């Protein structure tokens, strides 16, 4: 029964978590009844959402691998979510063991997992912080102790900015990180799109209203503004399942246009 579920300290079992909903869609085990209800509501009108979630993970892994191959050795993963293999540090260090990674998420469940997963792992750290407060993240001693902002860094905002409302200034959040990024740095973003089906948008908004998991569906023009000051590389801003760079064979998960559309892009600092 849902009432018998083990609830981690500091977690309200009546409030859905975007990290736990995503974990459920990816086939994980770290979610509560409220998270499963949100996910199943979305799946009822957008049954291919599990595949979109997997495509989003493949986009993240592909972007990290490419950037590591280009010599980037520092990664800040904002809105990490519950650890799913391959994680950013696994992908990056598969290219170079010298890669350093900071994971950032506000969810206490993510923090608990990170403490276990990253224990005694030099060069990789996790902090509990809110992407809406970029100055707190940039000033955190774990970040300043691990990331050298005089060298190129990849800032990953994969599946996180659609949880930032317009009045919370997503462009300002991006700009705060951009100000600290050295030449050769990159920005990676994926985001739910206004081109999703009306049914999927309506159901997700209804299921997550007034919770931390509520989402904003932005159009291409709005998303392109988040890349101001960056030059898009590879295929540009495209659905995550279509993003590919280099000669690596693309894994096609989706046939046709999904109900829930998520676009992704990688920008190089101009």
C-alpha atoms as a PDB file:
ATOM      1  CA  UNK A   1       0.000   0.000   0.000  1.00  0.00           C
ATOM      2  CA  UNK A   2       1.160   3.532  -0.720  1.00  0.00           C
ATOM      3  CA  UNK A   3       0.762   4.452   2.939  1.00  0.00           C
ATOM      4  CA  UNK A   4       3.415   1.898   3.870  1.00  0.00           C
ATOM      5  CA  UNK A   5       6.031   3.267   1.516  1.00  0.00           C
ATOM      6  CA  UNK A   6       9.355   4.214   3.021  1.00  0.00           C
ATOM      7  CA  UNK A   7       9.643   7.982   2.795  1.00  0.00           C
ATOM      8  CA  UNK A   8      13.120   9.500   3.137  1.00  0.00           C
ATOM      9  CA  UNK A   9      13.613  12.204   5.790  1.00  0.00           C
ATOM     10  CA  UNK A  10      12.597  15.652   4.626  1.00  0.00           C
ATOM     11  CA  UNK A  11      10.357  14.370   1.823  1.00  0.00           C
ATOM     12  CA  UNK A  12       6.637  15.206   1.623  1.00  0.00           C
ATOM     13  CA  UNK A  13       4.934  12.095   0.146  1.00  0.00           C
ATOM     14  CA  UNK A  14       2.002  14.188  -1.090  1.00  0.00           C
ATOM     15  CA  UNK A  15       4.156  16.386  -3.364  1.00  0.00           C
ATOM     16  CA  UNK A  16       5.521  15.003  -6.644  1.00  0.00           C
ATOM     17  CA  UNK A  17       9.217  15.332  -7.438  1.00  0.00           C
ATOM     18  CA  UNK A  18      10.444  15.871 -10.990  1.00  0.00           C
ATOM     19  CA  UNK A  19      13.517  13.743 -10.225  1.00  0.00           C
ATOM     20  CA  UNK A  20      11.403  10.835  -8.966  1.00  0.00           C
ATOM     21  CA  UNK A  21       8.886  11.087 -11.830  1.00  0.00           C
ATOM     22  CA  UNK A  22      11.805  10.934 -14.266  1.00  0.00           C
ATOM     23  CA  UNK A  23      13.243   7.980 -12.365  1.00  0.00           C
ATOM     24  CA  UNK A  24       9.940   6.124 -12.771  1.00  0.00           C
ATOM     25  CA  UNK A  25       9.811   6.866 -16.495  1.00  0.00           C
ATOM     26  CA  UNK A  26      13.348   5.516 -16.858  1.00  0.00           C
ATOM     27  CA  UNK A  27      12.441   2.300 -15.044  1.00  0.00           C
ATOM     28  CA  UNK A  28      14.099   3.153 -11.726  1.00  0.00           C
ATOM     29  CA  UNK A  29      12.968   2.205  -8.241  1.00  0.00           C
ATOM     30  CA  UNK A  30      13.259   5.460  -6.309  1.00  0.00           C
ATOM     31  CA  UNK A  31       9.807   7.002  -6.498  1.00  0.00           C
ATOM     32  CA  UNK A  32       6.634   7.331  -4.456  1.00  0.00           C
ATOM     33  CA  UNK A  33       2.965   6.785  -5.229  1.00  0.00           C
ATOM     34  CA  UNK A  34       2.449  10.478  -6.011  1.00  0.00           C
ATOM     35  CA  UNK A  35       5.283  10.375  -8.561  1.00  0.00           C
ATOM     36  CA  UNK A  36       3.904   7.260 -10.237  1.00  0.00           C
ATOM     37  CA  UNK A  37       0.476   8.891 -10.422  1.00  0.00           C
ATOM     38  CA  UNK A  38       1.899  11.925 -12.239  1.00  0.00           C
ATOM     39  CA  UNK A  39       3.837   9.721 -14.639  1.00  0.00           C
ATOM     40  CA  UNK A  40       0.884   7.457 -15.368  1.00  0.00           C
ATOM     41  CA  UNK A  41      -1.360  10.465 -15.998  1.00  0.00           C
ATOM     42  CA  UNK A  42       1.101  11.677 -18.611  1.00  0.00           C
ATOM     43  CA  UNK A  43       1.533   8.210 -20.100  1.00  0.00           C
ATOM     44  CA  UNK A  44      -2.241   7.917 -20.505  1.00  0.00           C
ATOM     45  CA  UNK A  45      -2.157  10.648 -23.166  1.00  0.00           C
ATOM     46  CA  UNK A  46       1.491  10.374 -24.235  1.00  0.00           C
ATOM     47  CA  UNK A  47       2.387   6.671 -24.116  1.00  0.00           C
ATOM     48  CA  UNK A  48       5.756   7.248 -25.794  1.00  0.00           C
ATOM     49  CA  UNK A  49       7.005   9.428 -22.931  1.00  0.00           C
ATOM     50  CA  UNK A  50       9.188   6.614 -21.546  1.00  0.00           C
ATOM     51  CA  UNK A  51      11.002   6.556 -24.880  1.00  0.00           C
ATOM     52  CA  UNK A  52      11.374  10.340 -24.824  1.00  0.00           C
ATOM     53  CA  UNK A  53      12.901  10.093 -21.341  1.00  0.00           C
ATOM     54  CA  UNK A  54      15.390   7.502 -22.593  1.00  0.00           C
ATOM     55  CA  UNK A  55      16.185   9.637 -25.647  1.00  0.00           C
ATOM     56  CA  UNK A  56      16.854  12.574 -23.335  1.00  0.00           C
ATOM     57  CA  UNK A  57      19.381  10.457 -21.397  1.00  0.00           C
ATOM     58  CA  UNK A  58      21.050   9.403 -24.640  1.00  0.00           C
ATOM     59  CA  UNK A  59      21.257  13.060 -25.681  1.00  0.00           C
ATOM     60  CA  UNK A  60      22.957  13.898 -22.378  1.00  0.00           C
ATOM     61  CA  UNK A  61      25.418  11.033 -22.692  1.00  0.00           C
ATOM     62  CA  UNK A  62      26.185  11.837 -26.326  1.00  0.00           C
ATOM     63  CA  UNK A  63      26.813  15.510 -25.602  1.00  0.00           C
ATOM     64  CA  UNK A  64      29.062  14.748 -22.616  1.00  0.00           C
ATOM     65  CA  UNK A  65      31.059  12.173 -24.573  1.00  0.00           C
ATOM     66  CA  UNK A  66      31.551  14.565 -27.487  1.00  0.00           C
ATOM     67  CA  UNK A  67      32.645  17.452 -25.261  1.00  0.00           C
ATOM     68  CA  UNK A  68      35.078  15.236 -23.364  1.00  0.00           C
ATOM     69  CA  UNK A  69      36.511  14.097 -26.695  1.00  0.00           C
ATOM     70  CA  UNK A  70      36.995  17.779 -27.579  1.00  0.00           C
ATOM     71  CA  UNK A  71      39.080  18.264 -24.444  1.00  0.00           C
ATOM     72  CA  UNK A  72      36.532  19.553 -21.925  1.00  0.00           C
ATOM     73  CA  UNK A  73      37.475  18.180 -18.515  1.00  0.00           C
ATOM     74  CA  UNK A  74      34.986  19.949 -16.222  1.00  0.00           C
ATOM     75  CA  UNK A  75      31.233  19.394 -16.037  1.00  0.00           C
ATOM     76  CA  UNK A  76      28.522  20.982 -13.893  1.00  0.00           C
ATOM     77  CA  UNK A  77      25.316  18.931 -14.079  1.00  0.00           C
ATOM     78  CA  UNK A  78      22.358  21.043 -12.929  1.00  0.00           C
ATOM     79  CA  UNK A  79      19.175  19.210 -11.987  1.00  0.00           C
ATOM     80  CA  UNK A  80      20.984  15.884 -11.887  1.00  0.00           C
ATOM     81  CA  UNK A  81      18.052  13.711 -10.900  1.00  0.00           C
ATOM     82  CA  UNK A  82      18.383  10.320  -9.265  1.00  0.00           C
ATOM     83  CA  UNK A  83      21.594   8.660 -10.518  1.00  0.00           C
ATOM     84  CA  UNK A  84      21.066   6.601 -13.660  1.00  0.00           C
ATOM     85  CA  UNK A  85      23.852   4.714 -15.391  1.00  0.00           C
ATOM     86  CA  UNK A  86      25.670   5.846 -17.367  1.00  0.00           C
ATOM     87  CA  UNK A  87      26.019   8.964 -15.262  1.00  0.00           C
ATOM     88  CA  UNK A  88      27.883  12.052 -16.426  1.00  0.00           C
ATOM     89  CA  UNK A  89      31.092  11.126 -14.620  1.00  0.00           C
ATOM     90  CA  UNK A  90      30.992   7.596 -16.052  1.00  0.00           C
ATOM     91  CA  UNK A  91      30.651   8.897 -19.612  1.00  0.00           C
ATOM     92  CA  UNK A  92      33.201  11.693 -19.235  1.00  0.00           C
ATOM     93  CA  UNK A  93      35.764   9.534 -17.461  1.00  0.00           C
ATOM     94  CA  UNK A  94      35.306   6.879 -20.093  1.00  0.00           C
ATOM     95  CA  UNK A  95      37.047   9.402 -22.353  1.00  0.00           C
ATOM     96  CA  UNK A  96      39.487  10.812 -19.799  1.00  0.00           C
ATOM     97  CA  UNK A  97      39.927   9.877 -16.122  1.00  0.00           C
ATOM     98  CA  UNK A  98      40.973  13.501 -15.555  1.00  0.00           C
ATOM     99  CA  UNK A  99      37.374  14.746 -15.936  1.00  0.00           C
ATOM    100  CA  UNK A 100      35.826  16.419 -12.894  1.00  0.00           C
ATOM    101  CA  UNK A 101      32.071  16.568 -12.278  1.00  0.00           C
ATOM    102  CA  UNK A 102      29.791  18.498  -9.923  1.00  0.00           C
ATOM    103  CA  UNK A 103      26.219  17.238  -9.564  1.00  0.00           C
ATOM    104  CA  UNK A 104      23.564  19.720  -8.405  1.00  0.00           C
ATOM    105  CA  UNK A 105      19.975  18.967  -7.393  1.00  0.00           C
ATOM    106  CA  UNK A 106      17.594  20.358  -4.777  1.00  0.00           C
ATOM    107  CA  UNK A 107      15.869  17.015  -4.081  1.00  0.00           C
ATOM    108  CA  UNK A 108      17.010  15.404  -0.789  1.00  0.00           C
ATOM    109  CA  UNK A 109      16.493  11.928  -2.275  1.00  0.00           C
ATOM    110  CA  UNK A 110      19.042  12.743  -4.987  1.00  0.00           C
ATOM    111  CA  UNK A 111      21.436  13.945  -2.304  1.00  0.00           C
ATOM    112  CA  UNK A 112      21.095  10.707  -0.321  1.00  0.00           C
ATOM    113  CA  UNK A 113      21.868   8.623  -3.393  1.00  0.00           C
ATOM    114  CA  UNK A 114      24.815  10.794  -4.325  1.00  0.00           C
ATOM    115  CA  UNK A 115      26.374  10.497  -0.875  1.00  0.00           C
ATOM    116  CA  UNK A 116      26.447   6.720  -1.266  1.00  0.00           C
ATOM    117  CA  UNK A 117      27.372   6.590  -4.949  1.00  0.00           C
ATOM    118  CA  UNK A 118      30.137   9.192  -4.845  1.00  0.00           C
ATOM    119  CA  UNK A 119      31.717   8.325  -1.500  1.00  0.00           C
ATOM    120  CA  UNK A 120      35.519   8.256  -1.747  1.00  0.00           C
ATOM    121  CA  UNK A 121      35.460   9.297  -5.420  1.00  0.00           C
ATOM    122  CA  UNK A 122      37.987  12.111  -5.942  1.00  0.00           C
ATOM    123  CA  UNK A 123      37.111  14.658  -8.598  1.00  0.00           C
ATOM    124  CA  UNK A 124      33.359  14.084  -8.357  1.00  0.00           C
ATOM    125  CA  UNK A 125      31.043  15.811  -5.881  1.00  0.00           C
ATOM    126  CA  UNK A 126      27.364  16.488  -5.297  1.00  0.00           C
ATOM    127  CA  UNK A 127      25.620  19.430  -3.669  1.00  0.00           C
ATOM    128  CA  UNK A 128      22.012  20.047  -2.734  1.00  0.00           C
ATOM    129  CA  UNK A 129      21.100  23.407  -4.230  1.00  0.00           C
ATOM    130  CA  UNK A 130      18.443  25.098  -6.342  1.00  0.00           C
ATOM    131  CA  UNK A 131      19.230  26.073  -9.942  1.00  0.00           C
ATOM    132  CA  UNK A 132      17.121  29.195  -9.340  1.00  0.00           C
ATOM    133  CA  UNK A 133      19.924  30.443  -7.061  1.00  0.00           C
ATOM    134  CA  UNK A 134      22.963  30.312  -9.358  1.00  0.00           C
ATOM    135  CA  UNK A 135      25.118  32.510  -7.124  1.00  0.00           C
ATOM    136  CA  UNK A 136      24.754  29.995  -4.304  1.00  0.00           C
ATOM    137  CA  UNK A 137      25.893  27.208  -6.626  1.00  0.00           C
ATOM    138  CA  UNK A 138      28.795  29.151  -8.090  1.00  0.00           C
ATOM    139  CA  UNK A 139      29.971  30.149  -4.623  1.00  0.00           C
ATOM    140  CA  UNK A 140      29.619  26.716  -3.024  1.00  0.00           C
ATOM    141  CA  UNK A 141      33.001  25.513  -1.706  1.00  0.00           C
ATOM    142  CA  UNK A 142      32.546  22.111  -3.361  1.00  0.00           C
ATOM    143  CA  UNK A 143      32.171  23.880  -6.706  1.00  0.00           C
ATOM    144  CA  UNK A 144      34.969  26.394  -6.224  1.00  0.00           C
ATOM    145  CA  UNK A 145      37.235  23.648  -4.912  1.00  0.00           C
ATOM    146  CA  UNK A 146      36.690  21.373  -7.902  1.00  0.00           C
ATOM    147  CA  UNK A 147      35.939  23.643 -10.883  1.00  0.00           C
ATOM    148  CA  UNK A 148      38.502  26.041 -12.343  1.00  0.00           C
ATOM    149  CA  UNK A 149      36.468  28.682 -14.140  1.00  0.00           C
ATOM    150  CA  UNK A 150      39.571  29.929 -15.926  1.00  0.00           C
ATOM    151  CA  UNK A 151      39.423  26.694 -17.933  1.00  0.00           C
ATOM    152  CA  UNK A 152      36.625  25.422 -20.240  1.00  0.00           C
ATOM    153  CA  UNK A 153      33.612  23.963 -18.454  1.00  0.00           C
ATOM    154  CA  UNK A 154      30.449  22.299 -19.729  1.00  0.00           C
ATOM    155  CA  UNK A 155      27.297  23.468 -17.956  1.00  0.00           C
ATOM    156  CA  UNK A 156      24.540  20.891 -18.343  1.00  0.00           C
ATOM    157  CA  UNK A 157      20.922  22.046 -18.018  1.00  0.00           C
ATOM    158  CA  UNK A 158      19.307  18.894 -19.324  1.00  0.00           C
ATOM    159  CA  UNK A 159      15.621  18.625 -18.480  1.00  0.00           C
ATOM    160  CA  UNK A 160      15.756  21.310 -15.786  1.00  0.00           C
ATOM    161  CA  UNK A 161      14.886  24.772 -17.158  1.00  0.00           C
ATOM    162  CA  UNK A 162      11.299  23.780 -17.955  1.00  0.00           C
ATOM    163  CA  UNK A 163      10.799  23.626 -14.161  1.00  0.00           C
ATOM    164  CA  UNK A 164      11.814  27.283 -13.921  1.00  0.00           C
ATOM    165  CA  UNK A 165       8.838  29.605 -14.341  1.00  0.00           C
ATOM    166  CA  UNK A 166       9.102  32.709 -16.529  1.00  0.00           C
ATOM    167  CA  UNK A 167       9.016  34.980 -13.478  1.00  0.00           C
ATOM    168  CA  UNK A 168      12.017  33.066 -12.073  1.00  0.00           C
ATOM    169  CA  UNK A 169      14.095  34.302 -15.035  1.00  0.00           C
ATOM    170  CA  UNK A 170      15.571  31.232 -16.764  1.00  0.00           C
ATOM    171  CA  UNK A 171      17.607  33.478 -19.081  1.00  0.00           C
ATOM    172  CA  UNK A 172      19.124  35.180 -16.042  1.00  0.00           C
ATOM    173  CA  UNK A 173      20.122  31.803 -14.627  1.00  0.00           C
ATOM    174  CA  UNK A 174      21.911  30.906 -17.864  1.00  0.00           C
ATOM    175  CA  UNK A 175      23.562  34.339 -17.944  1.00  0.00           C
ATOM    176  CA  UNK A 176      24.909  33.916 -14.395  1.00  0.00           C
ATOM    177  CA  UNK A 177      26.773  30.787 -15.434  1.00  0.00           C
ATOM    178  CA  UNK A 178      27.826  32.268 -18.763  1.00  0.00           C
ATOM    179  CA  UNK A 179      29.558  35.152 -16.952  1.00  0.00           C
ATOM    180  CA  UNK A 180      31.845  32.639 -15.229  1.00  0.00           C
ATOM    181  CA  UNK A 181      32.541  30.431 -18.248  1.00  0.00           C
ATOM    182  CA  UNK A 182      35.932  30.640 -19.975  1.00  0.00           C
ATOM    183  CA  UNK A 183      36.474  30.506 -23.761  1.00  0.00           C
ATOM    184  CA  UNK A 184      35.992  26.960 -25.005  1.00  0.00           C
ATOM    185  CA  UNK A 185      33.123  26.358 -22.578  1.00  0.00           C
ATOM    186  CA  UNK A 186      29.796  24.844 -23.627  1.00  0.00           C
ATOM    187  CA  UNK A 187      26.140  24.974 -22.596  1.00  0.00           C
ATOM    188  CA  UNK A 188      23.919  21.894 -22.967  1.00  0.00           C
ATOM    189  CA  UNK A 189      20.137  22.332 -22.705  1.00  0.00           C
ATOM    190  CA  UNK A 190      17.113  20.118 -23.243  1.00  0.00           C
ATOM    191  CA  UNK A 191      13.591  21.389 -22.664  1.00  0.00           C
ATOM    192  CA  UNK A 192       9.929  20.412 -23.066  1.00  0.00           C
ATOM    193  CA  UNK A 193       8.453  22.164 -26.065  1.00  0.00           C
ATOM    194  CA  UNK A 194       5.236  24.021 -26.794  1.00  0.00           C
ATOM    195  CA  UNK A 195       5.022  21.841 -29.922  1.00  0.00           C
ATOM    196  CA  UNK A 196       3.988  18.906 -27.715  1.00  0.00           C
ATOM    197  CA  UNK A 197       0.393  17.762 -28.156  1.00  0.00           C
ATOM    198  CA  UNK A 198      -2.245  19.858 -26.346  1.00  0.00           C
ATOM    199  CA  UNK A 199      -3.396  16.735 -24.468  1.00  0.00           C
ATOM    200  CA  UNK A 200       0.081  16.029 -23.095  1.00  0.00           C
ATOM    201  CA  UNK A 201       0.575  19.668 -22.062  1.00  0.00           C
ATOM    202  CA  UNK A 202      -2.819  19.854 -20.357  1.00  0.00           C
ATOM    203  CA  UNK A 203      -2.427  16.586 -18.449  1.00  0.00           C
ATOM    204  CA  UNK A 204       1.080  17.358 -17.218  1.00  0.00           C
ATOM    205  CA  UNK A 205       0.122  20.857 -16.130  1.00  0.00           C
ATOM    206  CA  UNK A 206      -2.941  19.535 -14.306  1.00  0.00           C
ATOM    207  CA  UNK A 207      -1.048  16.748 -12.562  1.00  0.00           C
ATOM    208  CA  UNK A 208       1.790  18.977 -11.346  1.00  0.00           C
ATOM    209  CA  UNK A 209       0.022  22.283 -10.691  1.00  0.00           C
ATOM    210  CA  UNK A 210       1.475  24.254  -7.763  1.00  0.00           C
ATOM    211  CA  UNK A 211       4.182  21.653  -7.145  1.00  0.00           C
ATOM    212  CA  UNK A 212       7.958  21.697  -7.750  1.00  0.00           C
ATOM    213  CA  UNK A 213       7.330  19.389 -10.725  1.00  0.00           C
ATOM    214  CA  UNK A 214       5.183  21.889 -12.670  1.00  0.00           C
ATOM    215  CA  UNK A 215       6.548  22.569 -16.129  1.00  0.00           C
ATOM    216  CA  UNK A 216       6.678  25.393 -18.653  1.00  0.00           C
ATOM    217  CA  UNK A 217       6.382  24.472 -22.327  1.00  0.00           C
ATOM    218  CA  UNK A 218       8.432  26.967 -24.338  1.00  0.00           C
ATOM    219  CA  UNK A 219       8.612  27.367 -28.103  1.00  0.00           C
ATOM    220  CA  UNK A 220      11.707  27.325 -30.291  1.00  0.00           C
ATOM    221  CA  UNK A 221      12.128  31.102 -30.264  1.00  0.00           C
ATOM    222  CA  UNK A 222      12.058  31.193 -26.464  1.00  0.00           C
ATOM    223  CA  UNK A 223      14.521  28.332 -26.212  1.00  0.00           C
ATOM    224  CA  UNK A 224      16.903  29.895 -28.718  1.00  0.00           C
ATOM    225  CA  UNK A 225      17.046  32.998 -26.506  1.00  0.00           C
ATOM    226  CA  UNK A 226      18.534  30.844 -23.738  1.00  0.00           C
ATOM    227  CA  UNK A 227      21.475  30.224 -26.075  1.00  0.00           C
ATOM    228  CA  UNK A 228      22.196  33.951 -26.530  1.00  0.00           C
ATOM    229  CA  UNK A 229      25.969  34.349 -26.653  1.00  0.00           C
ATOM    230  CA  UNK A 230      26.496  30.726 -27.658  1.00  0.00           C
ATOM    231  CA  UNK A 231      26.958  29.210 -31.113  1.00  0.00           C
ATOM    232  CA  UNK A 232      24.959  26.013 -31.610  1.00  0.00           C
ATOM    233  CA  UNK A 233      27.077  23.089 -32.782  1.00  0.00           C
ATOM    234  CA  UNK A 234      26.242  19.838 -34.562  1.00  0.00           C
ATOM    235  CA  UNK A 235      22.633  19.612 -35.731  1.00  0.00           C
ATOM    236  CA  UNK A 236      21.597  22.676 -33.739  1.00  0.00           C
ATOM    237  CA  UNK A 237      18.410  22.726 -31.674  1.00  0.00           C
ATOM    238  CA  UNK A 238      16.452  19.569 -32.552  1.00  0.00           C
ATOM    239  CA  UNK A 239      14.310  16.904 -30.868  1.00  0.00           C
ATOM    240  CA  UNK A 240      16.602  14.987 -28.495  1.00  0.00           C
ATOM    241  CA  UNK A 241      16.135  11.742 -30.405  1.00  0.00           C
ATOM    242  CA  UNK A 242      17.539  13.454 -33.516  1.00  0.00           C
ATOM    243  CA  UNK A 243      20.600  15.062 -31.920  1.00  0.00           C
ATOM    244  CA  UNK A 244      23.813  13.514 -33.179  1.00  0.00           C
ATOM    245  CA  UNK A 245      27.329  14.727 -33.798  1.00  0.00           C
ATOM    246  CA  UNK A 246      30.288  12.880 -35.258  1.00  0.00           C
ATOM    247  CA  UNK A 247      30.269   9.445 -36.808  1.00  0.00           C
ATOM    248  CA  UNK A 248      28.757   7.484 -33.941  1.00  0.00           C
ATOM    249  CA  UNK A 249      25.751   5.451 -35.014  1.00  0.00           C
ATOM    250  CA  UNK A 250      22.508   6.996 -33.821  1.00  0.00           C
ATOM    251  CA  UNK A 251      20.112   4.877 -31.801  1.00  0.00           C
ATOM    252  CA  UNK A 252      16.558   5.530 -32.953  1.00  0.00           C
ATOM    253  CA  UNK A 253      14.018   5.045 -30.176  1.00  0.00           C
ATOM    254  CA  UNK A 254      11.031   6.840 -31.638  1.00  0.00           C
ATOM    255  CA  UNK A 255       9.079   6.498 -34.845  1.00  0.00           C
ATOM    256  CA  UNK A 256       7.326   9.684 -35.834  1.00  0.00           C
ATOM    257  CA  UNK A 257       6.652  12.701 -33.620  1.00  0.00           C
ATOM    258  CA  UNK A 258       6.225  11.988 -29.896  1.00  0.00           C
ATOM    259  CA  UNK A 259       3.311  13.421 -27.929  1.00  0.00           C
ATOM    260  CA  UNK A 260       5.707  15.013 -25.443  1.00  0.00           C
ATOM    261  CA  UNK A 261       8.384  16.815 -27.439  1.00  0.00           C
ATOM    262  CA  UNK A 262      11.752  17.573 -25.873  1.00  0.00           C
ATOM    263  CA  UNK A 263      14.349  19.515 -27.871  1.00  0.00           C
ATOM    264  CA  UNK A 264      18.037  19.695 -27.104  1.00  0.00           C
ATOM    265  CA  UNK A 265      21.071  21.653 -28.212  1.00  0.00           C
ATOM    266  CA  UNK A 266      24.724  22.244 -27.398  1.00  0.00           C
ATOM    267  CA  UNK A 267      26.181  25.745 -27.611  1.00  0.00           C
ATOM    268  CA  UNK A 268      29.814  26.862 -27.676  1.00  0.00           C
ATOM    269  CA  UNK A 269      30.582  30.135 -25.925  1.00  0.00           C
ATOM    270  CA  UNK A 270      31.232  32.822 -28.533  1.00  0.00           C
END
